[in-house]
Every structure is written in structure tokens, then in C-alpha cells.
């Protein structure tokens, strides 16, 4: 049986739809919000429902053979995993956003707020721009409005939340989507089963 760490939240329903297109019915996982482990013996899979930011850890340390995780999480965490397949779900963008009319020229350094401090630091380091990155856990859009920072680095799907807070996208850091990741030991031990599942998911994208 293959154990798959699956993220709760916005990716869960898209995951169910993807598996359905692959002729794997896991609809049951949506119905019970308190249950965390689901077994589908006929399909040969067991699903663990975990926080999106924890998926990679479950897979990397062998508690799960595979996982479904956003590229943003993989960029933020240094994970030793295989990433054999882009699932084409959970699509959005990692962007730099700032108040309308923001002009960074003339500033010797920038203060950036983000839930993703590593991504933000890496992005500006590659540009050779000095930054101070403040890690926030929520309501990142508020930070530049009240003067906590110059700009933010955050995820956006439609950009509507940014617009409502008078912020505009300055740069796109990366295109983001969900990846299917595999534990390196599991890829050897359960190679046949995992590859079979990968083929089904790739055809269903």
C-alpha cells in the first residue's frame, strides 16, 4: 500500500477531482473533516490529511511514501525529495506586491514582509538588492499599508485581495502549482506501484 500525504485546505478538493479523473475514487476524504487517515484497499493507497506546510516533512522522513505539495512550500523548505510530476492543480503566482505608485529607485535597501522569508531573501539576493525580511503568519497585505514594510512577497491566484487593499503586483517571483513528491527510499522499495500511480495521474492532468 502506498501512503500519500495530502494537504487539507484549498488543494484537497482539486486533489479529489484529479484522482477521480484518474479513475481513483477518494471522495470520502472530503466528507469527514476530523478523520486524518483514510485507507482505500482496492486502490492500494492510504491517505494522510495534513497541513500543507507539513506534507514535505512527512514524505522526506518516511512517514508517507508520496505527497502532494505546493511548489511554494518546496521552495521555502530545503527538502530532499524526488519531484517527478507537476500535477497542474493549485495554480497561482508568487509575487512582489506594493502600494500603488511604489518606486524602489533611490532606496538603498528594502524592507519586505512575507510568509515566505527564504523565497523573499533568495529572490532579492539574486538581484543584488539588500533587504530586511520580516516573517508574518497572516494578513500580509496589511503590512505595507500601515508602513511596516515597503513591499510583500506572497501568493496570489486572481490578485483580487491585493487590489482590494490598494496593492499592485510589481514582479512575479515564480509560477506555482502542486507537485507530486516521492520519498527517495520509497521510490526504490515501491517503485512499480508508485510509477503506476504516476502514469495514471499524468494522464489525468
N, C-alpha and C. Protein backbone atom coordinates (compact mmCIF):
# COMPACT_ATOMS: atom_id res chain seq x y z
N UNK A 1 0.84 -1.20 0.00
CA UNK A 1 0.00 0.00 0.00
C UNK A 1 0.87 1.25 0.00
N UNK A 2 0.54 2.22 -0.84
CA UNK A 2 1.28 3.48 -0.90
C UNK A 2 0.62 4.49 0.04
N UNK A 3 1.39 5.10 0.90
CA UNK A 3 0.88 6.14 1.79
C UNK A 3 1.17 7.51 1.19
N UNK A 4 0.10 8.31 1.03
CA UNK A 4 0.22 9.63 0.39
C UNK A 4 -0.19 10.72 1.37
N UNK A 5 0.69 11.66 1.64
CA UNK A 5 0.36 12.82 2.47
C UNK A 5 -0.36 13.84 1.59
N UNK A 6 -1.58 14.16 1.99
CA UNK A 6 -2.44 15.03 1.18
C UNK A 6 -2.77 16.29 1.98
N UNK A 7 -2.63 17.47 1.38
CA UNK A 7 -2.86 18.70 2.14
C UNK A 7 -4.35 19.03 2.32
N UNK A 8 -4.72 19.39 3.54
CA UNK A 8 -6.07 19.90 3.76
C UNK A 8 -6.15 21.31 3.20
N UNK A 9 -7.35 21.84 3.09
CA UNK A 9 -7.50 23.20 2.57
C UNK A 9 -7.85 23.21 1.10
N UNK A 10 -7.45 24.28 0.41
CA UNK A 10 -7.91 24.52 -0.96
C UNK A 10 -7.47 23.45 -1.95
N UNK A 11 -6.36 22.77 -1.67
CA UNK A 11 -5.88 21.74 -2.60
C UNK A 11 -6.63 20.42 -2.50
N UNK A 12 -7.34 20.22 -1.39
CA UNK A 12 -7.96 18.91 -1.15
C UNK A 12 -9.01 18.57 -2.22
N UNK A 13 -9.89 19.52 -2.51
CA UNK A 13 -10.95 19.25 -3.50
C UNK A 13 -10.36 19.07 -4.90
N UNK A 14 -9.35 19.84 -5.23
CA UNK A 14 -8.71 19.68 -6.54
C UNK A 14 -8.01 18.33 -6.64
N UNK A 15 -7.46 17.86 -5.51
CA UNK A 15 -6.82 16.54 -5.47
C UNK A 15 -7.85 15.44 -5.73
N UNK A 16 -9.01 15.56 -5.07
CA UNK A 16 -10.08 14.58 -5.25
C UNK A 16 -10.51 14.52 -6.72
N UNK A 17 -10.66 15.69 -7.34
CA UNK A 17 -11.07 15.75 -8.75
C UNK A 17 -10.02 15.14 -9.67
N UNK A 18 -8.76 15.41 -9.38
CA UNK A 18 -7.68 14.84 -10.19
C UNK A 18 -7.67 13.32 -10.09
N UNK A 19 -7.80 12.80 -8.87
CA UNK A 19 -7.81 11.35 -8.68
C UNK A 19 -9.04 10.73 -9.35
N UNK A 20 -10.16 11.44 -9.31
CA UNK A 20 -11.38 10.94 -9.96
C UNK A 20 -11.15 10.79 -11.46
N UNK A 21 -10.47 11.78 -12.07
CA UNK A 21 -10.16 11.69 -13.50
C UNK A 21 -9.21 10.54 -13.79
N UNK A 22 -8.45 10.14 -12.77
CA UNK A 22 -7.53 9.01 -12.91
C UNK A 22 -8.21 7.69 -12.53
N UNK A 23 -9.56 7.74 -12.39
CA UNK A 23 -10.37 6.57 -12.03
C UNK A 23 -10.03 6.03 -10.65
N UNK A 24 -9.67 6.94 -9.73
CA UNK A 24 -9.42 6.58 -8.33
C UNK A 24 -10.36 7.41 -7.49
N UNK A 25 -11.35 6.77 -6.88
CA UNK A 25 -12.37 7.50 -6.12
C UNK A 25 -11.96 7.65 -4.66
N UNK A 26 -11.59 8.88 -4.29
CA UNK A 26 -11.22 9.16 -2.89
C UNK A 26 -12.15 10.24 -2.32
N UNK A 27 -13.35 10.33 -2.88
CA UNK A 27 -14.31 11.37 -2.47
C UNK A 27 -14.56 11.36 -0.97
N UNK A 28 -14.45 10.21 -0.36
CA UNK A 28 -14.71 10.05 1.08
C UNK A 28 -13.92 11.02 1.95
N UNK A 29 -12.73 11.43 1.49
CA UNK A 29 -11.87 12.27 2.33
C UNK A 29 -12.44 13.67 2.54
N UNK A 30 -13.38 14.08 1.70
CA UNK A 30 -13.98 15.42 1.85
C UNK A 30 -15.08 15.40 2.90
N UNK A 31 -15.74 14.27 3.06
CA UNK A 31 -16.92 14.20 3.93
C UNK A 31 -16.66 14.29 5.42
N UNK A 32 -15.50 13.83 5.88
CA UNK A 32 -15.22 13.80 7.31
C UNK A 32 -14.01 14.67 7.62
N UNK A 33 -14.26 15.87 8.16
CA UNK A 33 -13.18 16.83 8.37
C UNK A 33 -12.30 16.49 9.58
N UNK A 34 -12.76 15.55 10.43
CA UNK A 34 -11.97 15.22 11.62
C UNK A 34 -11.09 13.99 11.44
N UNK A 35 -11.44 13.16 10.50
CA UNK A 35 -10.66 11.95 10.26
C UNK A 35 -9.39 12.32 9.50
N UNK A 36 -8.27 11.74 9.90
CA UNK A 36 -6.98 12.12 9.33
C UNK A 36 -6.33 11.02 8.50
N UNK A 37 -6.81 9.79 8.61
CA UNK A 37 -6.26 8.68 7.84
C UNK A 37 -7.38 7.95 7.12
N UNK A 38 -7.22 7.78 5.82
CA UNK A 38 -8.21 7.07 5.00
C UNK A 38 -7.50 5.96 4.23
N UNK A 39 -8.07 4.75 4.29
CA UNK A 39 -7.48 3.64 3.54
C UNK A 39 -8.41 3.19 2.41
N UNK A 40 -7.82 3.01 1.25
CA UNK A 40 -8.56 2.55 0.07
C UNK A 40 -7.86 1.28 -0.42
N UNK A 41 -8.27 0.15 0.15
CA UNK A 41 -7.57 -1.11 -0.09
C UNK A 41 -7.58 -1.53 -1.55
N UNK A 42 -8.72 -1.35 -2.20
CA UNK A 42 -8.81 -1.75 -3.61
C UNK A 42 -7.85 -0.97 -4.49
N UNK A 43 -7.64 0.29 -4.12
CA UNK A 43 -6.74 1.14 -4.91
C UNK A 43 -5.29 0.99 -4.45
N UNK A 44 -5.11 0.38 -3.28
CA UNK A 44 -3.76 0.19 -2.76
C UNK A 44 -3.12 1.46 -2.24
N UNK A 45 -3.98 2.40 -1.76
CA UNK A 45 -3.42 3.65 -1.23
C UNK A 45 -4.02 3.99 0.13
N UNK A 46 -3.22 4.67 0.93
CA UNK A 46 -3.67 5.22 2.21
C UNK A 46 -3.36 6.71 2.19
N UNK A 47 -4.32 7.53 2.57
CA UNK A 47 -4.13 8.98 2.55
C UNK A 47 -4.02 9.53 3.97
N UNK A 48 -3.06 10.39 4.18
CA UNK A 48 -2.91 11.13 5.44
C UNK A 48 -3.29 12.57 5.16
N UNK A 49 -4.21 13.13 5.92
CA UNK A 49 -4.63 14.52 5.72
C UNK A 49 -3.83 15.40 6.69
N UNK A 50 -2.97 16.25 6.16
CA UNK A 50 -2.07 17.04 7.00
C UNK A 50 -2.06 18.51 6.55
N UNK A 51 -1.43 19.33 7.37
CA UNK A 51 -1.27 20.74 6.99
C UNK A 51 -0.40 20.84 5.74
N UNK A 52 -0.72 21.74 4.81
CA UNK A 52 0.08 21.86 3.58
C UNK A 52 1.57 22.01 3.82
N UNK A 53 1.94 22.79 4.86
CA UNK A 53 3.36 23.03 5.12
C UNK A 53 4.06 21.81 5.73
N UNK A 54 3.27 20.79 6.16
CA UNK A 54 3.86 19.60 6.78
C UNK A 54 4.04 18.44 5.81
N UNK A 55 3.42 18.54 4.64
CA UNK A 55 3.45 17.42 3.68
C UNK A 55 4.89 16.98 3.38
N UNK A 56 5.74 17.92 3.03
CA UNK A 56 7.11 17.59 2.64
C UNK A 56 7.86 16.87 3.76
N UNK A 57 7.63 17.27 5.00
CA UNK A 57 8.31 16.62 6.13
C UNK A 57 7.84 15.17 6.30
N UNK A 58 6.53 14.94 6.17
CA UNK A 58 6.01 13.58 6.27
C UNK A 58 6.66 12.68 5.21
N UNK A 59 6.84 13.22 4.02
CA UNK A 59 7.41 12.41 2.93
C UNK A 59 8.93 12.27 3.10
N UNK A 60 9.60 13.36 3.39
CA UNK A 60 11.06 13.31 3.49
C UNK A 60 11.52 12.33 4.57
N UNK A 61 10.80 12.30 5.70
CA UNK A 61 11.22 11.44 6.81
C UNK A 61 10.54 10.07 6.81
N UNK A 62 9.84 9.74 5.72
CA UNK A 62 9.36 8.38 5.52
C UNK A 62 8.05 8.01 6.17
N UNK A 63 7.35 8.97 6.78
CA UNK A 63 6.03 8.66 7.34
C UNK A 63 5.01 8.47 6.22
N UNK A 64 5.30 9.04 5.07
CA UNK A 64 4.49 8.84 3.86
C UNK A 64 5.45 8.55 2.70
N UNK A 65 4.98 7.74 1.76
CA UNK A 65 5.80 7.42 0.59
C UNK A 65 5.82 8.58 -0.41
N UNK A 66 4.67 9.21 -0.54
CA UNK A 66 4.49 10.28 -1.52
C UNK A 66 3.69 11.42 -0.89
N UNK A 67 3.60 12.52 -1.61
CA UNK A 67 2.82 13.64 -1.11
C UNK A 67 2.43 14.59 -2.23
N UNK A 68 1.44 15.41 -1.92
CA UNK A 68 1.01 16.45 -2.85
C UNK A 68 1.25 17.78 -2.15
N UNK A 69 2.10 18.60 -2.75
CA UNK A 69 2.55 19.80 -2.05
C UNK A 69 2.80 20.93 -3.04
N UNK A 70 2.47 22.15 -2.63
CA UNK A 70 2.68 23.32 -3.48
C UNK A 70 4.16 23.60 -3.69
N UNK A 71 4.49 24.07 -4.89
CA UNK A 71 5.88 24.41 -5.20
C UNK A 71 6.41 25.48 -4.25
N UNK A 72 5.52 26.35 -3.75
CA UNK A 72 5.94 27.38 -2.79
C UNK A 72 6.54 26.77 -1.54
N UNK A 73 5.93 25.69 -1.03
CA UNK A 73 6.44 25.01 0.16
C UNK A 73 7.80 24.39 -0.12
N UNK A 74 7.96 23.80 -1.29
CA UNK A 74 9.23 23.18 -1.64
C UNK A 74 10.33 24.23 -1.81
N UNK A 75 9.96 25.41 -2.30
CA UNK A 75 10.94 26.49 -2.45
C UNK A 75 11.34 27.05 -1.08
N UNK A 76 10.40 27.08 -0.16
CA UNK A 76 10.67 27.65 1.17
C UNK A 76 11.44 26.67 2.06
N UNK A 77 11.14 25.39 1.91
CA UNK A 77 11.81 24.37 2.72
C UNK A 77 12.83 23.63 1.85
N UNK A 78 14.02 23.40 2.37
CA UNK A 78 15.01 22.63 1.62
C UNK A 78 14.74 21.15 1.84
N UNK A 79 14.05 20.52 0.89
CA UNK A 79 13.61 19.14 1.04
C UNK A 79 14.41 18.21 0.14
N UNK A 80 14.76 17.05 0.69
CA UNK A 80 15.49 16.04 -0.07
C UNK A 80 14.49 15.01 -0.61
N UNK A 81 13.82 15.38 -1.69
CA UNK A 81 12.74 14.57 -2.25
C UNK A 81 12.85 14.50 -3.77
N UNK A 82 12.21 13.48 -4.33
CA UNK A 82 12.02 13.47 -5.78
C UNK A 82 10.77 14.27 -6.11
N UNK A 83 10.80 15.02 -7.21
CA UNK A 83 9.63 15.77 -7.69
C UNK A 83 9.32 15.32 -9.11
N UNK A 84 8.76 14.11 -9.28
CA UNK A 84 8.61 13.57 -10.63
C UNK A 84 7.48 14.15 -11.47
N UNK A 85 6.51 14.84 -10.81
CA UNK A 85 5.34 15.25 -11.60
C UNK A 85 4.73 16.55 -11.10
N UNK A 86 4.49 17.47 -12.05
CA UNK A 86 3.69 18.67 -11.78
C UNK A 86 2.24 18.28 -12.03
N UNK A 87 1.39 18.40 -11.01
CA UNK A 87 0.01 17.93 -11.12
C UNK A 87 -0.91 18.92 -11.83
N UNK A 88 -0.45 20.15 -12.01
CA UNK A 88 -1.28 21.13 -12.72
C UNK A 88 -2.49 21.60 -11.94
N UNK A 89 -2.48 21.42 -10.61
CA UNK A 89 -3.57 21.92 -9.75
C UNK A 89 -2.99 22.93 -8.77
N UNK A 90 -3.87 23.70 -8.14
CA UNK A 90 -3.42 24.70 -7.18
C UNK A 90 -2.57 25.78 -7.82
N UNK A 91 -2.90 26.13 -9.05
CA UNK A 91 -2.07 27.09 -9.78
C UNK A 91 -2.26 28.52 -9.27
N UNK A 92 -1.16 29.20 -9.04
CA UNK A 92 -1.17 30.60 -8.62
C UNK A 92 0.22 31.18 -8.86
N UNK A 93 0.47 32.37 -8.34
CA UNK A 93 1.77 33.01 -8.55
C UNK A 93 2.34 33.51 -7.23
N UNK A 94 3.65 33.43 -7.10
CA UNK A 94 4.35 34.08 -6.01
C UNK A 94 4.80 35.44 -6.55
N UNK A 95 4.35 36.51 -5.90
CA UNK A 95 4.62 37.83 -6.45
C UNK A 95 5.19 38.79 -5.40
N UNK A 96 5.80 39.84 -5.92
CA UNK A 96 6.12 41.01 -5.10
C UNK A 96 4.98 41.99 -5.32
N UNK A 97 4.37 42.47 -4.25
CA UNK A 97 3.29 43.46 -4.36
C UNK A 97 3.59 44.64 -3.44
N UNK A 98 3.16 45.80 -3.88
CA UNK A 98 3.43 47.02 -3.12
C UNK A 98 2.30 48.02 -3.33
N UNK A 99 2.22 49.05 -2.48
CA UNK A 99 1.20 50.07 -2.68
C UNK A 99 1.33 50.72 -4.06
N UNK A 100 0.22 51.14 -4.63
CA UNK A 100 0.23 51.75 -5.96
C UNK A 100 1.19 52.94 -5.99
N UNK A 101 1.95 53.01 -7.07
CA UNK A 101 2.92 54.10 -7.19
C UNK A 101 4.24 53.83 -6.51
N UNK A 102 4.41 52.62 -5.99
CA UNK A 102 5.67 52.26 -5.31
C UNK A 102 6.85 52.41 -6.27
N UNK A 103 7.88 53.06 -5.79
CA UNK A 103 9.08 53.24 -6.61
C UNK A 103 10.30 52.88 -5.77
N UNK A 104 10.99 51.80 -6.18
CA UNK A 104 12.10 51.35 -5.34
C UNK A 104 13.42 52.08 -5.65
N UNK A 105 13.47 52.80 -6.77
CA UNK A 105 14.72 53.50 -7.07
C UNK A 105 14.97 54.59 -6.02
N UNK A 106 16.22 54.75 -5.68
CA UNK A 106 16.56 55.73 -4.66
C UNK A 106 16.66 55.12 -3.28
N UNK A 107 16.13 53.91 -3.10
CA UNK A 107 16.23 53.23 -1.81
C UNK A 107 17.46 52.33 -1.81
N UNK A 108 18.28 52.46 -0.78
CA UNK A 108 19.48 51.63 -0.70
C UNK A 108 19.15 50.21 -0.25
N UNK A 109 18.03 50.05 0.43
CA UNK A 109 17.60 48.73 0.86
C UNK A 109 16.08 48.71 0.97
N UNK A 110 15.51 47.52 0.98
CA UNK A 110 14.07 47.36 1.07
C UNK A 110 13.70 46.53 2.29
N UNK A 111 12.57 46.87 2.86
CA UNK A 111 12.02 46.03 3.93
C UNK A 111 10.84 45.26 3.34
N UNK A 112 10.91 43.94 3.40
CA UNK A 112 9.91 43.06 2.80
C UNK A 112 9.24 42.22 3.87
N UNK A 113 7.93 42.13 3.81
CA UNK A 113 7.19 41.25 4.73
C UNK A 113 6.68 40.04 3.94
N UNK A 114 6.74 38.87 4.54
CA UNK A 114 6.33 37.67 3.82
C UNK A 114 6.10 36.49 4.76
N UNK A 115 5.22 35.58 4.34
CA UNK A 115 5.09 34.28 4.99
C UNK A 115 6.21 33.36 4.51
N UNK A 116 6.93 33.83 3.48
CA UNK A 116 7.96 33.02 2.84
C UNK A 116 9.31 33.75 2.88
N UNK A 117 9.93 33.86 4.05
CA UNK A 117 11.16 34.66 4.17
C UNK A 117 12.32 34.13 3.31
N UNK A 118 12.44 32.80 3.18
CA UNK A 118 13.54 32.25 2.38
C UNK A 118 13.36 32.61 0.90
N UNK A 119 12.14 32.43 0.39
CA UNK A 119 11.87 32.77 -1.01
C UNK A 119 12.14 34.25 -1.26
N UNK A 120 11.67 35.10 -0.35
CA UNK A 120 11.88 36.54 -0.50
C UNK A 120 13.36 36.89 -0.48
N UNK A 121 14.10 36.33 0.48
CA UNK A 121 15.54 36.61 0.59
C UNK A 121 16.29 36.13 -0.64
N UNK A 122 16.00 34.90 -1.07
CA UNK A 122 16.67 34.34 -2.25
C UNK A 122 16.42 35.20 -3.50
N UNK A 123 15.17 35.64 -3.65
CA UNK A 123 14.79 36.42 -4.83
C UNK A 123 15.59 37.72 -4.90
N UNK A 124 15.68 38.43 -3.77
CA UNK A 124 16.38 39.71 -3.79
C UNK A 124 17.90 39.56 -3.75
N UNK A 125 18.38 38.48 -3.14
CA UNK A 125 19.84 38.23 -3.14
C UNK A 125 20.34 38.04 -4.56
N UNK A 126 19.55 37.31 -5.38
CA UNK A 126 19.94 37.09 -6.78
C UNK A 126 19.98 38.40 -7.56
N UNK A 127 19.18 39.36 -7.12
CA UNK A 127 19.16 40.67 -7.79
C UNK A 127 20.22 41.61 -7.23
N UNK A 128 20.86 41.19 -6.14
CA UNK A 128 21.87 42.03 -5.51
C UNK A 128 21.28 43.20 -4.75
N UNK A 129 20.03 43.05 -4.31
CA UNK A 129 19.36 44.13 -3.57
C UNK A 129 19.32 43.78 -2.08
N UNK A 130 19.77 44.70 -1.26
CA UNK A 130 19.79 44.49 0.18
C UNK A 130 18.37 44.56 0.73
N UNK A 131 17.97 43.54 1.49
CA UNK A 131 16.62 43.53 2.05
C UNK A 131 16.63 43.12 3.52
N UNK A 132 15.67 43.62 4.23
CA UNK A 132 15.35 43.14 5.57
C UNK A 132 14.00 42.44 5.44
N UNK A 133 13.96 41.15 5.74
CA UNK A 133 12.73 40.38 5.57
C UNK A 133 12.07 40.11 6.92
N UNK A 134 10.81 40.49 7.01
CA UNK A 134 10.03 40.27 8.23
C UNK A 134 9.08 39.11 7.99
N UNK A 135 9.16 38.07 8.82
CA UNK A 135 8.25 36.94 8.65
C UNK A 135 6.92 37.24 9.33
N UNK A 136 5.84 37.10 8.57
CA UNK A 136 4.49 37.24 9.09
C UNK A 136 3.74 35.94 8.86
N UNK A 137 2.70 35.70 9.66
CA UNK A 137 1.94 34.46 9.56
C UNK A 137 0.55 34.65 8.96
N UNK A 138 0.14 35.89 8.78
CA UNK A 138 -1.18 36.15 8.21
C UNK A 138 -1.37 37.63 7.94
N UNK A 139 -2.41 37.96 7.15
CA UNK A 139 -2.74 39.35 6.81
C UNK A 139 -1.52 40.13 6.33
N UNK A 140 -0.76 39.51 5.44
CA UNK A 140 0.46 40.15 4.93
C UNK A 140 0.14 41.44 4.20
N UNK A 141 -1.04 41.51 3.56
CA UNK A 141 -1.42 42.70 2.78
C UNK A 141 -1.49 43.95 3.63
N UNK A 142 -1.70 43.78 4.93
CA UNK A 142 -1.82 44.93 5.84
C UNK A 142 -0.47 45.63 6.03
N UNK A 143 0.61 44.86 5.98
CA UNK A 143 1.94 45.37 6.37
C UNK A 143 2.39 46.62 5.61
N UNK A 144 2.32 46.66 4.27
CA UNK A 144 2.78 47.87 3.58
C UNK A 144 1.83 49.05 3.74
N UNK A 145 0.55 48.75 3.98
CA UNK A 145 -0.44 49.82 4.12
C UNK A 145 -0.17 50.67 5.36
N UNK A 146 0.26 50.00 6.43
CA UNK A 146 0.50 50.74 7.69
C UNK A 146 1.97 51.09 7.89
N UNK A 147 2.78 50.83 6.86
CA UNK A 147 4.17 51.25 6.92
C UNK A 147 5.15 50.29 7.57
N UNK A 148 4.72 49.04 7.79
CA UNK A 148 5.63 48.05 8.38
C UNK A 148 6.73 47.66 7.39
N UNK A 149 6.40 47.73 6.10
CA UNK A 149 7.37 47.32 5.08
C UNK A 149 7.15 48.11 3.80
N UNK A 150 8.09 47.96 2.87
CA UNK A 150 7.96 48.61 1.56
C UNK A 150 7.09 47.79 0.62
N UNK A 151 7.24 46.46 0.69
CA UNK A 151 6.52 45.57 -0.21
C UNK A 151 6.37 44.21 0.45
N UNK A 152 5.56 43.35 -0.18
CA UNK A 152 5.37 42.00 0.34
C UNK A 152 5.70 40.98 -0.75
N UNK A 153 6.04 39.78 -0.32
CA UNK A 153 6.17 38.64 -1.23
C UNK A 153 5.13 37.63 -0.77
N UNK A 154 4.17 37.32 -1.65
CA UNK A 154 3.07 36.46 -1.24
C UNK A 154 2.47 35.74 -2.44
N UNK A 155 1.61 34.76 -2.14
CA UNK A 155 0.89 34.04 -3.19
C UNK A 155 -0.36 34.80 -3.60
N UNK A 156 -0.70 34.73 -4.87
CA UNK A 156 -1.98 35.26 -5.32
C UNK A 156 -2.50 34.41 -6.46
N UNK A 157 -3.80 34.19 -6.46
CA UNK A 157 -4.43 33.43 -7.55
C UNK A 157 -5.02 34.40 -8.57
N UNK A 158 -5.88 35.29 -8.09
CA UNK A 158 -6.55 36.23 -9.00
C UNK A 158 -6.04 37.67 -8.86
N UNK A 159 -5.41 37.97 -7.74
CA UNK A 159 -4.95 39.33 -7.48
C UNK A 159 -6.02 40.22 -6.87
N UNK A 160 -7.21 39.66 -6.63
CA UNK A 160 -8.33 40.46 -6.11
C UNK A 160 -8.06 41.00 -4.71
N UNK A 161 -7.49 40.15 -3.84
CA UNK A 161 -7.21 40.60 -2.47
C UNK A 161 -6.21 41.74 -2.47
N UNK A 162 -5.23 41.65 -3.37
CA UNK A 162 -4.25 42.74 -3.48
C UNK A 162 -4.92 44.03 -3.91
N UNK A 163 -5.78 43.94 -4.94
CA UNK A 163 -6.47 45.13 -5.45
C UNK A 163 -7.34 45.78 -4.38
N UNK A 164 -8.03 44.96 -3.61
CA UNK A 164 -8.92 45.48 -2.56
C UNK A 164 -8.16 46.23 -1.49
N UNK A 165 -6.87 45.92 -1.36
CA UNK A 165 -6.04 46.61 -0.38
C UNK A 165 -5.09 47.62 -1.03
N UNK A 166 -5.46 48.05 -2.26
CA UNK A 166 -4.69 49.06 -2.99
C UNK A 166 -3.23 48.67 -3.19
N UNK A 167 -3.01 47.38 -3.42
CA UNK A 167 -1.67 46.90 -3.74
C UNK A 167 -1.65 46.43 -5.19
N UNK A 168 -0.49 46.54 -5.82
CA UNK A 168 -0.37 46.06 -7.19
C UNK A 168 0.86 45.17 -7.31
N UNK A 169 0.79 44.26 -8.27
CA UNK A 169 1.91 43.34 -8.48
C UNK A 169 3.06 44.09 -9.15
N UNK A 170 4.22 44.03 -8.53
CA UNK A 170 5.42 44.69 -9.05
C UNK A 170 6.24 43.72 -9.89
N UNK A 171 6.39 42.49 -9.40
CA UNK A 171 7.15 41.46 -10.11
C UNK A 171 6.57 40.09 -9.80
N UNK A 172 6.72 39.16 -10.72
CA UNK A 172 6.36 37.76 -10.47
C UNK A 172 7.62 37.01 -10.09
N UNK A 173 7.60 36.43 -8.91
CA UNK A 173 8.76 35.67 -8.42
C UNK A 173 8.79 34.27 -9.04
N UNK A 174 7.62 33.60 -9.07
CA UNK A 174 7.55 32.24 -9.62
C UNK A 174 6.12 31.84 -9.90
N UNK A 175 5.95 31.00 -10.90
CA UNK A 175 4.66 30.37 -11.16
C UNK A 175 4.57 29.16 -10.23
N UNK A 176 3.44 29.01 -9.55
CA UNK A 176 3.30 27.97 -8.53
C UNK A 176 2.19 26.99 -8.90
N UNK A 177 2.44 25.73 -8.65
CA UNK A 177 1.40 24.70 -8.78
C UNK A 177 1.77 23.55 -7.85
N UNK A 178 0.88 22.57 -7.72
CA UNK A 178 1.13 21.45 -6.82
C UNK A 178 1.99 20.39 -7.50
N UNK A 179 2.92 19.86 -6.73
CA UNK A 179 3.82 18.82 -7.22
C UNK A 179 3.52 17.49 -6.50
N UNK A 180 3.76 16.40 -7.22
CA UNK A 180 3.71 15.08 -6.60
C UNK A 180 5.14 14.73 -6.22
N UNK A 181 5.38 14.57 -4.92
CA UNK A 181 6.74 14.30 -4.43
C UNK A 181 6.83 12.89 -3.88
N UNK A 182 8.04 12.33 -3.93
CA UNK A 182 8.23 10.95 -3.52
C UNK A 182 9.46 10.82 -2.63
N UNK A 183 9.32 10.05 -1.55
CA UNK A 183 10.44 9.72 -0.67
C UNK A 183 11.45 8.89 -1.46
N UNK A 184 12.73 9.18 -1.31
CA UNK A 184 13.76 8.53 -2.13
C UNK A 184 13.89 7.03 -1.87
N UNK A 185 13.70 6.62 -0.62
CA UNK A 185 13.76 5.19 -0.29
C UNK A 185 12.52 4.48 -0.84
N UNK A 186 11.37 5.11 -0.67
CA UNK A 186 10.12 4.52 -1.18
C UNK A 186 10.16 4.32 -2.69
N UNK A 187 10.84 5.24 -3.39
CA UNK A 187 10.92 5.13 -4.84
C UNK A 187 11.66 3.86 -5.26
N UNK A 188 12.55 3.39 -4.40
CA UNK A 188 13.27 2.15 -4.68
C UNK A 188 12.45 0.94 -4.26
N UNK A 189 11.88 0.99 -3.05
CA UNK A 189 11.18 -0.16 -2.49
C UNK A 189 9.83 -0.40 -3.16
N UNK A 190 9.11 0.69 -3.46
CA UNK A 190 7.77 0.58 -4.04
C UNK A 190 7.73 1.17 -5.45
N UNK A 191 8.81 1.01 -6.16
CA UNK A 191 8.98 1.62 -7.47
C UNK A 191 7.84 1.32 -8.44
N UNK A 192 7.45 0.05 -8.53
CA UNK A 192 6.44 -0.35 -9.50
C UNK A 192 5.09 0.31 -9.21
N UNK A 193 4.67 0.26 -7.93
CA UNK A 193 3.38 0.83 -7.54
C UNK A 193 3.34 2.34 -7.73
N UNK A 194 4.44 3.00 -7.35
CA UNK A 194 4.49 4.47 -7.46
C UNK A 194 4.50 4.90 -8.92
N UNK A 195 5.26 4.22 -9.74
CA UNK A 195 5.30 4.57 -11.17
C UNK A 195 3.95 4.36 -11.84
N UNK A 196 3.25 3.31 -11.42
CA UNK A 196 1.91 3.05 -11.97
C UNK A 196 0.95 4.19 -11.62
N UNK A 197 1.03 4.65 -10.37
CA UNK A 197 0.20 5.77 -9.94
C UNK A 197 0.57 7.05 -10.68
N UNK A 198 1.85 7.28 -10.86
CA UNK A 198 2.32 8.47 -11.58
C UNK A 198 1.78 8.51 -13.01
N UNK A 199 1.77 7.37 -13.67
CA UNK A 199 1.24 7.30 -15.04
C UNK A 199 -0.23 7.69 -15.06
N UNK A 200 -1.01 7.16 -14.11
CA UNK A 200 -2.44 7.47 -14.04
C UNK A 200 -2.67 8.96 -13.81
N UNK A 201 -1.91 9.54 -12.89
CA UNK A 201 -2.08 10.96 -12.56
C UNK A 201 -1.64 11.85 -13.71
N UNK A 202 -0.56 11.47 -14.38
CA UNK A 202 -0.08 12.27 -15.50
C UNK A 202 -1.11 12.29 -16.64
N UNK A 203 -1.74 11.15 -16.89
CA UNK A 203 -2.75 11.08 -17.93
C UNK A 203 -4.01 11.86 -17.56
N UNK A 204 -4.26 12.01 -16.24
CA UNK A 204 -5.48 12.67 -15.77
C UNK A 204 -5.33 14.18 -15.62
N UNK A 205 -4.12 14.70 -15.76
CA UNK A 205 -3.90 16.14 -15.56
C UNK A 205 -4.74 16.98 -16.52
